[in-house]
Amino acid sequence: MKPPKPDESSKEVLRSLGDPALDPFEIEFLPEYDNRTGTRSAFVNEYGVVIGDHEYDSPQSPLNQWSADTDPSIMAGAAWVHPRKDIGFRTQQNRQWFEQGIPPRSGVFMHPVVDVAYKNKENSEQE
């Protein structure tokens, strides 16, 4: 998939978001965790996708143009993560950690309906 050029719809989304300092979805990091660098505002990445708009559904996203020819690694890297507005910061566990200083509980991560094991059965049998 070739990166599209940012179009007017992406630029319009950025304009519509207003003042990034007034963003109600950005969490309040404790001072010891507030070492985030980079922009507070949403931005358009090299693929024309708006990052930091809380929608995560830009028409230009590879997720909306997926095919058998799409390499999943296209969505890896910092170009896909906002330093302050990443969706992961909104989880209860991360808010407790970054806003209240309560570290996550240790233990095995489990998903209620999907096997999220790091190594799948096929790979573990080969070792």
N, C-alpha and C. Protein backbone atom coordinates (compact mmCIF):
# COMPACT_ATOMS: atom_id res chain seq x y z
N MET A 1 0.84 -1.18 0.00
CA MET A 1 0.00 0.00 0.00
C MET A 1 0.89 1.24 0.00
N LYS A 2 0.66 2.11 -0.94
CA LYS A 2 1.45 3.34 -1.02
C LYS A 2 0.81 4.40 -0.14
N PRO A 3 1.64 5.18 0.55
CA PRO A 3 1.08 6.23 1.40
C PRO A 3 0.36 7.28 0.56
N PRO A 4 -0.88 7.62 0.93
CA PRO A 4 -1.57 8.69 0.23
C PRO A 4 -1.08 10.04 0.72
N LYS A 5 -1.33 11.03 -0.04
CA LYS A 5 -1.02 12.40 0.38
C LYS A 5 -2.13 12.87 1.32
N PRO A 6 -1.78 13.66 2.35
CA PRO A 6 -2.84 14.22 3.20
C PRO A 6 -3.82 15.00 2.34
N ASP A 7 -5.09 14.74 2.54
CA ASP A 7 -6.10 15.42 1.73
C ASP A 7 -6.82 16.48 2.56
N GLU A 8 -7.76 17.16 1.94
CA GLU A 8 -8.48 18.23 2.62
C GLU A 8 -9.30 17.70 3.80
N SER A 9 -9.81 16.45 3.71
CA SER A 9 -10.60 15.93 4.83
C SER A 9 -9.74 15.78 6.08
N SER A 10 -8.48 15.35 5.92
CA SER A 10 -7.57 15.24 7.08
C SER A 10 -7.30 16.62 7.66
N LYS A 11 -7.07 17.57 6.80
CA LYS A 11 -6.80 18.94 7.27
C LYS A 11 -8.02 19.52 7.97
N GLU A 12 -9.21 19.21 7.47
CA GLU A 12 -10.45 19.69 8.09
C GLU A 12 -10.65 19.07 9.47
N VAL A 13 -10.33 17.79 9.62
CA VAL A 13 -10.42 17.14 10.92
C VAL A 13 -9.51 17.85 11.91
N LEU A 14 -8.29 18.16 11.50
CA LEU A 14 -7.36 18.85 12.39
C LEU A 14 -7.90 20.21 12.81
N ARG A 15 -8.46 20.95 11.86
CA ARG A 15 -9.02 22.27 12.18
C ARG A 15 -10.20 22.15 13.14
N SER A 16 -11.01 21.10 12.99
CA SER A 16 -12.22 20.95 13.80
C SER A 16 -11.94 20.57 15.25
N LEU A 17 -10.74 20.09 15.53
CA LEU A 17 -10.43 19.62 16.88
C LEU A 17 -10.21 20.75 17.88
N GLY A 18 -9.95 21.94 17.39
CA GLY A 18 -9.80 23.09 18.28
C GLY A 18 -8.49 23.09 19.06
N ASP A 19 -8.52 23.76 20.20
CA ASP A 19 -7.33 23.95 21.04
C ASP A 19 -6.94 22.64 21.71
N PRO A 20 -5.75 22.10 21.42
CA PRO A 20 -5.35 20.81 22.01
C PRO A 20 -5.19 20.88 23.53
N ALA A 21 -4.96 22.06 24.08
CA ALA A 21 -4.82 22.18 25.53
C ALA A 21 -6.15 21.97 26.25
N LEU A 22 -7.26 22.05 25.52
CA LEU A 22 -8.58 21.88 26.12
C LEU A 22 -9.17 20.50 25.85
N ASP A 23 -8.36 19.57 25.44
CA ASP A 23 -8.83 18.24 25.05
C ASP A 23 -9.34 17.48 26.27
N PRO A 24 -10.63 17.14 26.32
CA PRO A 24 -11.17 16.43 27.49
C PRO A 24 -10.74 14.96 27.56
N PHE A 25 -10.17 14.42 26.49
CA PHE A 25 -9.79 13.02 26.46
C PHE A 25 -8.34 12.79 26.86
N GLU A 26 -7.56 13.86 26.96
CA GLU A 26 -6.16 13.71 27.34
C GLU A 26 -6.08 13.52 28.84
N ILE A 27 -5.34 12.49 29.28
CA ILE A 27 -5.29 12.23 30.72
C ILE A 27 -4.33 13.22 31.40
N GLU A 28 -4.48 13.34 32.72
CA GLU A 28 -3.65 14.24 33.52
C GLU A 28 -2.50 13.44 34.13
N PHE A 29 -1.37 13.43 33.45
CA PHE A 29 -0.21 12.67 33.92
C PHE A 29 0.32 13.26 35.22
N LEU A 30 0.68 12.39 36.18
CA LEU A 30 1.40 12.84 37.36
C LEU A 30 2.74 13.41 36.90
N PRO A 31 3.32 14.35 37.66
CA PRO A 31 4.58 14.96 37.22
C PRO A 31 5.68 13.95 36.89
N GLU A 32 5.76 12.85 37.68
CA GLU A 32 6.83 11.88 37.41
C GLU A 32 6.63 11.11 36.11
N TYR A 33 5.41 11.14 35.55
CA TYR A 33 5.14 10.46 34.28
C TYR A 33 4.94 11.45 33.13
N ASP A 34 4.97 12.71 33.44
CA ASP A 34 4.70 13.73 32.41
C ASP A 34 5.98 14.10 31.68
N ASN A 35 6.63 13.10 31.11
CA ASN A 35 7.84 13.35 30.33
C ASN A 35 7.55 13.17 28.84
N ARG A 36 6.29 13.29 28.48
CA ARG A 36 5.89 13.13 27.09
C ARG A 36 6.47 14.26 26.26
N THR A 37 7.06 13.90 25.16
CA THR A 37 7.59 14.92 24.26
C THR A 37 6.73 14.91 23.00
N GLY A 38 6.85 15.94 22.25
CA GLY A 38 6.10 16.00 21.01
C GLY A 38 4.86 16.85 21.14
N THR A 39 4.12 16.86 20.09
CA THR A 39 2.97 17.73 19.98
C THR A 39 1.82 17.33 20.89
N ARG A 40 1.05 18.32 21.33
CA ARG A 40 -0.20 18.07 22.04
C ARG A 40 -1.33 17.96 21.03
N SER A 41 -1.14 18.57 19.87
CA SER A 41 -2.21 18.55 18.88
C SER A 41 -2.18 17.26 18.06
N ALA A 42 -3.33 16.97 17.49
CA ALA A 42 -3.41 15.85 16.55
C ALA A 42 -2.54 16.19 15.35
N PHE A 43 -2.13 15.17 14.61
CA PHE A 43 -1.31 15.40 13.43
C PHE A 43 -1.69 14.40 12.35
N VAL A 44 -1.29 14.71 11.13
CA VAL A 44 -1.51 13.81 10.00
C VAL A 44 -0.19 13.10 9.75
N ASN A 45 -0.21 11.76 9.82
CA ASN A 45 1.05 11.04 9.61
C ASN A 45 1.36 10.93 8.12
N GLU A 46 2.46 10.28 7.81
CA GLU A 46 2.91 10.20 6.42
C GLU A 46 1.95 9.44 5.51
N TYR A 47 0.98 8.73 6.10
CA TYR A 47 0.01 7.98 5.31
C TYR A 47 -1.31 8.73 5.14
N GLY A 48 -1.35 9.97 5.63
CA GLY A 48 -2.55 10.78 5.50
C GLY A 48 -3.60 10.49 6.56
N VAL A 49 -3.22 9.75 7.61
CA VAL A 49 -4.15 9.38 8.67
C VAL A 49 -4.00 10.34 9.84
N VAL A 50 -5.13 10.83 10.34
CA VAL A 50 -5.11 11.73 11.49
C VAL A 50 -4.84 10.90 12.75
N ILE A 51 -3.81 11.28 13.50
CA ILE A 51 -3.43 10.61 14.74
C ILE A 51 -3.70 11.57 15.89
N GLY A 52 -4.49 11.13 16.87
CA GLY A 52 -4.79 11.97 18.03
C GLY A 52 -6.15 12.63 17.96
N ASP A 53 -7.04 12.13 17.08
CA ASP A 53 -8.38 12.73 16.97
C ASP A 53 -9.43 11.94 17.75
N HIS A 54 -9.04 10.85 18.38
CA HIS A 54 -9.90 9.98 19.19
C HIS A 54 -10.89 9.17 18.36
N GLU A 55 -10.82 9.25 17.05
CA GLU A 55 -11.73 8.49 16.20
C GLU A 55 -11.09 7.18 15.74
N TYR A 56 -9.83 7.22 15.40
CA TYR A 56 -9.10 6.04 14.95
C TYR A 56 -9.77 5.37 13.76
N ASP A 57 -10.37 6.19 12.90
CA ASP A 57 -11.08 5.62 11.76
C ASP A 57 -10.97 6.51 10.53
N SER A 58 -9.77 7.00 10.24
CA SER A 58 -9.59 7.83 9.06
C SER A 58 -9.83 7.00 7.80
N PRO A 59 -10.48 7.56 6.80
CA PRO A 59 -10.70 6.82 5.55
C PRO A 59 -9.39 6.38 4.90
N GLN A 60 -8.30 7.12 5.13
CA GLN A 60 -7.01 6.80 4.54
C GLN A 60 -6.28 5.67 5.26
N SER A 61 -6.78 5.24 6.41
CA SER A 61 -6.09 4.23 7.20
C SER A 61 -5.98 2.92 6.45
N PRO A 62 -4.83 2.25 6.58
CA PRO A 62 -4.72 0.91 5.98
C PRO A 62 -5.80 -0.04 6.48
N LEU A 63 -6.29 0.18 7.69
CA LEU A 63 -7.36 -0.68 8.21
C LEU A 63 -8.62 -0.58 7.36
N ASN A 64 -8.83 0.57 6.76
CA ASN A 64 -10.02 0.76 5.92
C ASN A 64 -9.75 0.44 4.45
N GLN A 65 -8.54 0.05 4.14
CA GLN A 65 -8.19 -0.29 2.75
C GLN A 65 -7.44 -1.61 2.72
N TRP A 66 -7.74 -2.49 3.67
CA TRP A 66 -7.00 -3.74 3.82
C TRP A 66 -7.26 -4.69 2.67
N SER A 67 -6.22 -5.39 2.27
CA SER A 67 -6.35 -6.43 1.24
C SER A 67 -5.31 -7.51 1.52
N ALA A 68 -5.33 -8.56 0.73
CA ALA A 68 -4.34 -9.63 0.87
C ALA A 68 -2.94 -9.12 0.59
N ASP A 69 -2.82 -7.98 -0.09
CA ASP A 69 -1.51 -7.43 -0.44
C ASP A 69 -0.98 -6.45 0.61
N THR A 70 -1.75 -6.17 1.64
CA THR A 70 -1.33 -5.21 2.67
C THR A 70 -0.39 -5.87 3.65
N ASP A 71 0.77 -5.28 3.84
CA ASP A 71 1.75 -5.77 4.82
C ASP A 71 1.37 -5.16 6.18
N PRO A 72 1.05 -5.99 7.19
CA PRO A 72 0.63 -5.46 8.49
C PRO A 72 1.66 -4.54 9.14
N SER A 73 2.93 -4.70 8.79
CA SER A 73 3.96 -3.86 9.40
C SER A 73 3.81 -2.40 9.00
N ILE A 74 2.97 -2.13 8.01
CA ILE A 74 2.75 -0.74 7.59
C ILE A 74 2.19 0.09 8.74
N MET A 75 1.54 -0.57 9.71
CA MET A 75 0.95 0.17 10.82
C MET A 75 1.78 0.09 12.10
N ALA A 76 3.06 -0.21 11.98
CA ALA A 76 3.95 -0.26 13.14
C ALA A 76 4.76 1.03 13.21
N GLY A 77 5.12 1.41 14.40
CA GLY A 77 6.02 2.55 14.57
C GLY A 77 5.36 3.77 15.16
N ALA A 78 6.19 4.73 15.47
CA ALA A 78 5.76 5.95 16.15
C ALA A 78 4.81 6.80 15.33
N ALA A 79 4.79 6.64 14.02
CA ALA A 79 3.89 7.44 13.18
C ALA A 79 2.43 7.13 13.46
N TRP A 80 2.16 6.06 14.19
CA TRP A 80 0.79 5.64 14.47
C TRP A 80 0.37 5.90 15.91
N VAL A 81 1.25 6.48 16.73
CA VAL A 81 0.96 6.67 18.14
C VAL A 81 1.12 8.14 18.50
N HIS A 82 0.13 8.69 19.17
CA HIS A 82 0.23 10.07 19.66
C HIS A 82 0.87 10.03 21.04
N PRO A 83 1.83 10.93 21.33
CA PRO A 83 2.54 10.87 22.62
C PRO A 83 1.66 11.14 23.83
N ARG A 84 0.52 11.78 23.66
CA ARG A 84 -0.35 12.11 24.80
C ARG A 84 -1.78 11.60 24.64
N LYS A 85 -2.18 11.29 23.44
CA LYS A 85 -3.57 10.95 23.20
C LYS A 85 -3.75 9.52 22.68
N ASP A 86 -2.81 8.64 22.96
CA ASP A 86 -2.95 7.27 22.51
C ASP A 86 -4.13 6.63 23.22
N ILE A 87 -4.87 5.81 22.49
CA ILE A 87 -6.07 5.20 23.06
C ILE A 87 -5.74 4.35 24.29
N GLY A 88 -4.54 3.81 24.36
CA GLY A 88 -4.16 2.99 25.52
C GLY A 88 -4.11 3.76 26.82
N PHE A 89 -3.89 5.06 26.76
CA PHE A 89 -3.86 5.87 27.98
C PHE A 89 -5.24 5.95 28.62
N ARG A 90 -6.29 5.70 27.86
CA ARG A 90 -7.65 5.85 28.37
C ARG A 90 -8.14 4.63 29.15
N THR A 91 -7.39 3.53 29.15
CA THR A 91 -7.84 2.36 29.90
C THR A 91 -7.79 2.64 31.40
N GLN A 92 -8.62 1.96 32.15
CA GLN A 92 -8.66 2.17 33.59
C GLN A 92 -7.30 1.89 34.23
N GLN A 93 -6.65 0.80 33.81
CA GLN A 93 -5.36 0.43 34.39
C GLN A 93 -4.31 1.50 34.13
N ASN A 94 -4.25 2.02 32.90
CA ASN A 94 -3.25 3.05 32.60
C ASN A 94 -3.59 4.38 33.25
N ARG A 95 -4.86 4.72 33.37
CA ARG A 95 -5.21 5.96 34.06
C ARG A 95 -4.82 5.87 35.54
N GLN A 96 -5.07 4.70 36.17
CA GLN A 96 -4.67 4.55 37.57
C GLN A 96 -3.16 4.70 37.72
N TRP A 97 -2.42 4.14 36.78
CA TRP A 97 -0.96 4.19 36.85
C TRP A 97 -0.45 5.61 36.62
N PHE A 98 -0.83 6.24 35.50
CA PHE A 98 -0.26 7.53 35.12
C PHE A 98 -0.88 8.72 35.85
N GLU A 99 -2.12 8.60 36.33
CA GLU A 99 -2.76 9.72 37.01
C GLU A 99 -2.72 9.60 38.54
N GLN A 100 -2.70 8.34 39.04
CA GLN A 100 -2.75 8.15 40.49
C GLN A 100 -1.52 7.45 41.05
N GLY A 101 -0.64 6.96 40.19
CA GLY A 101 0.57 6.29 40.64
C GLY A 101 0.35 4.86 41.11
N ILE A 102 -0.79 4.26 40.78
CA ILE A 102 -1.07 2.88 41.17
C ILE A 102 -0.54 1.97 40.06
N PRO A 103 0.53 1.21 40.32
CA PRO A 103 1.10 0.37 39.26
C PRO A 103 0.16 -0.77 38.89
N PRO A 104 0.30 -1.28 37.68
CA PRO A 104 -0.56 -2.39 37.27
C PRO A 104 -0.29 -3.63 38.10
N ARG A 105 -1.31 -4.44 38.30
CA ARG A 105 -1.15 -5.71 39.01
C ARG A 105 -0.39 -6.66 38.11
N SER A 106 0.45 -7.46 38.71
CA SER A 106 1.18 -8.44 37.93
C SER A 106 0.30 -9.64 37.66
N GLY A 107 0.68 -10.41 36.70
CA GLY A 107 -0.07 -11.61 36.37
C GLY A 107 -0.14 -11.78 34.87
N VAL A 108 -0.73 -12.87 34.47
CA VAL A 108 -0.84 -13.19 33.05
C VAL A 108 -1.94 -12.33 32.44
N PHE A 109 -1.62 -11.70 31.31
CA PHE A 109 -2.63 -10.94 30.59
C PHE A 109 -3.56 -11.92 29.90
N MET A 110 -4.85 -11.75 30.11
CA MET A 110 -5.81 -12.63 29.47
C MET A 110 -6.91 -11.81 28.82
N HIS A 111 -7.35 -12.24 27.69
CA HIS A 111 -8.46 -11.63 26.99
C HIS A 111 -9.67 -12.53 27.21
N PRO A 112 -10.86 -11.96 27.40
CA PRO A 112 -12.01 -12.80 27.73
C PRO A 112 -12.43 -13.79 26.63
N VAL A 113 -12.14 -13.49 25.37
CA VAL A 113 -12.61 -14.39 24.31
C VAL A 113 -11.56 -14.77 23.28
N VAL A 114 -10.37 -14.19 23.36
CA VAL A 114 -9.33 -14.44 22.36
C VAL A 114 -8.08 -14.94 23.06
N ASP A 115 -7.44 -15.96 22.52
CA ASP A 115 -6.18 -16.45 23.05
C ASP A 115 -5.09 -15.46 22.63
N VAL A 116 -4.53 -14.75 23.58
CA VAL A 116 -3.55 -13.71 23.28
C VAL A 116 -2.15 -14.14 23.70
N ALA A 117 -1.93 -15.43 23.78
CA ALA A 117 -0.63 -15.95 24.17
C ALA A 117 0.44 -15.45 23.22
N TYR A 118 1.62 -15.14 23.76
CA TYR A 118 2.71 -14.61 22.93
C TYR A 118 3.11 -15.60 21.86
N LYS A 119 3.28 -16.85 22.25
CA LYS A 119 3.67 -17.86 21.28
C LYS A 119 2.46 -18.76 21.03
N ASN A 120 2.17 -18.97 19.78
CA ASN A 120 1.05 -19.85 19.52
C ASN A 120 1.49 -21.31 19.65
N LYS A 121 0.52 -22.19 19.71
CA LYS A 121 0.80 -23.61 19.94
C LYS A 121 1.75 -24.18 18.89
N GLU A 122 1.56 -23.80 17.65
CA GLU A 122 2.41 -24.33 16.56
C GLU A 122 3.87 -23.97 16.79
N ASN A 123 4.14 -22.71 17.16
CA ASN A 123 5.52 -22.28 17.38
C ASN A 123 6.14 -22.92 18.61
N SER A 124 5.36 -23.10 19.68
CA SER A 124 5.92 -23.64 20.91
C SER A 124 6.27 -25.12 20.75
N GLU A 125 5.58 -25.83 19.84
CA GLU A 125 5.89 -27.24 19.61
C GLU A 125 7.20 -27.41 18.86
N GLN A 126 7.64 -26.38 18.14
CA GLN A 126 8.86 -26.46 17.35
C GLN A 126 10.09 -26.24 18.20
N GLU A 127 9.93 -25.69 19.39
CA GLU A 127 11.09 -25.38 20.25
C GLU A 127 11.57 -26.57 21.02
